[in-house]
Protein backbone atom coordinates (compact mmCIF):
# COMPACT_ATOMS: atom_id res chain seq x y z
CA MET A 1 -81.78 91.88 3.27
CA THR A 2 -81.18 89.76 -0.01
CA ASP A 3 -83.50 91.10 -3.03
CA THR A 4 -85.22 87.53 -4.15
CA PRO A 5 -87.42 88.69 -7.02
CA GLU A 6 -90.70 87.17 -7.94
CA VAL A 7 -91.28 85.71 -11.56
CA VAL A 8 -94.07 87.69 -12.96
CA ALA A 9 -93.70 86.08 -16.64
CA THR A 10 -92.32 83.47 -18.27
CA LEU A 11 -91.81 83.23 -22.00
CA GLU A 12 -90.92 79.74 -23.83
CA GLU A 13 -89.27 78.48 -26.74
CA ASP A 14 -91.18 76.14 -28.74
CA THR A 15 -88.76 73.35 -28.05
CA GLY A 16 -88.73 73.90 -24.19
CA ALA A 17 -84.63 74.37 -24.64
CA PHE A 18 -84.55 77.70 -23.53
CA CYS A 19 -87.24 80.47 -22.22
CA VAL A 20 -86.94 83.75 -20.70
CA ASP A 21 -88.31 85.59 -17.03
CA VAL A 22 -89.66 88.88 -16.30
CA LEU A 23 -89.13 89.16 -12.27
CA ARG A 24 -90.30 91.71 -9.65
CA HIS A 25 -87.37 92.93 -7.84
CA GLU A 26 -88.74 94.05 -3.97
CA ASP A 27 -87.95 97.83 -5.03
CA GLY A 28 -90.45 97.26 -7.66
CA ASN A 29 -88.67 97.48 -10.39
CA PHE A 30 -88.47 94.93 -13.37
CA THR A 31 -85.75 92.96 -15.37
CA TYR A 32 -85.87 90.04 -17.40
CA VAL A 33 -83.18 87.12 -17.55
CA GLU A 34 -82.92 84.58 -20.46
CA TYR A 35 -82.09 80.59 -19.37
CA ALA A 36 -81.20 77.62 -21.45
CA ARG A 37 -81.98 74.29 -20.42
CA ASP A 38 -78.64 71.96 -19.66
CA ALA A 39 -78.04 69.58 -21.80
CA ASP A 40 -76.97 67.01 -19.41
CA ASP A 41 -79.87 67.40 -16.82
CA GLU A 42 -83.61 68.65 -18.32
CA ASP A 43 -84.68 69.78 -14.87
CA ALA A 44 -81.70 71.92 -14.22
CA TRP A 45 -81.48 75.63 -16.41
CA HIS A 46 -78.72 77.88 -16.46
CA ALA A 47 -78.74 82.07 -17.79
CA ARG A 48 -77.72 82.56 -20.94
CA SER A 49 -75.49 85.84 -19.87
CA ASP A 50 -73.48 86.52 -17.05
CA ALA A 51 -74.17 90.33 -17.77
CA GLU A 52 -76.07 92.64 -15.58
CA PRO A 53 -79.91 92.92 -16.85
CA GLN A 54 -81.29 96.12 -17.66
CA THR A 55 -83.49 97.69 -15.58
CA PHE A 56 -87.32 98.54 -16.01
CA LYS A 57 -89.95 100.67 -14.24
CA THR A 58 -92.73 98.49 -15.49
CA GLN A 59 -93.45 94.83 -16.12
CA PHE A 60 -94.72 95.46 -19.83
CA ALA A 61 -91.16 97.54 -20.53
CA ALA A 62 -89.45 94.85 -19.60
CA TYR A 63 -91.13 92.07 -21.24
CA SER A 64 -91.02 94.68 -24.60
CA ALA A 65 -87.11 94.50 -24.14
CA ALA A 66 -86.75 90.70 -24.10
CA MET A 67 -88.84 90.74 -27.25
CA ARG A 68 -87.27 93.05 -29.02
CA ASP A 69 -83.52 91.52 -27.72
CA VAL A 70 -83.76 87.74 -27.56
CA ASP A 71 -83.97 86.51 -31.36
CA TRP A 72 -85.79 83.49 -30.76
CA LEU A 73 -88.95 85.85 -29.34
CA LEU A 74 -89.03 87.32 -32.66
CA GLU A 75 -89.28 84.06 -34.44
């Protein structure tokens, strides 16, 4: 069975060009992924990193890490 995470929170940048999704996985852990809107297709998004996301035990921990690590969330 494939792990299909559930989006539990989305944080969007003011211009709508970027967002971060906090995801809950089937094993109960959480991750976050930063996305950028495709310049040629505004309905398409792509992950800003190919790196394996960090895993967190709680939604709050994933949210806190995103707030610390994603530059535009600090503005």
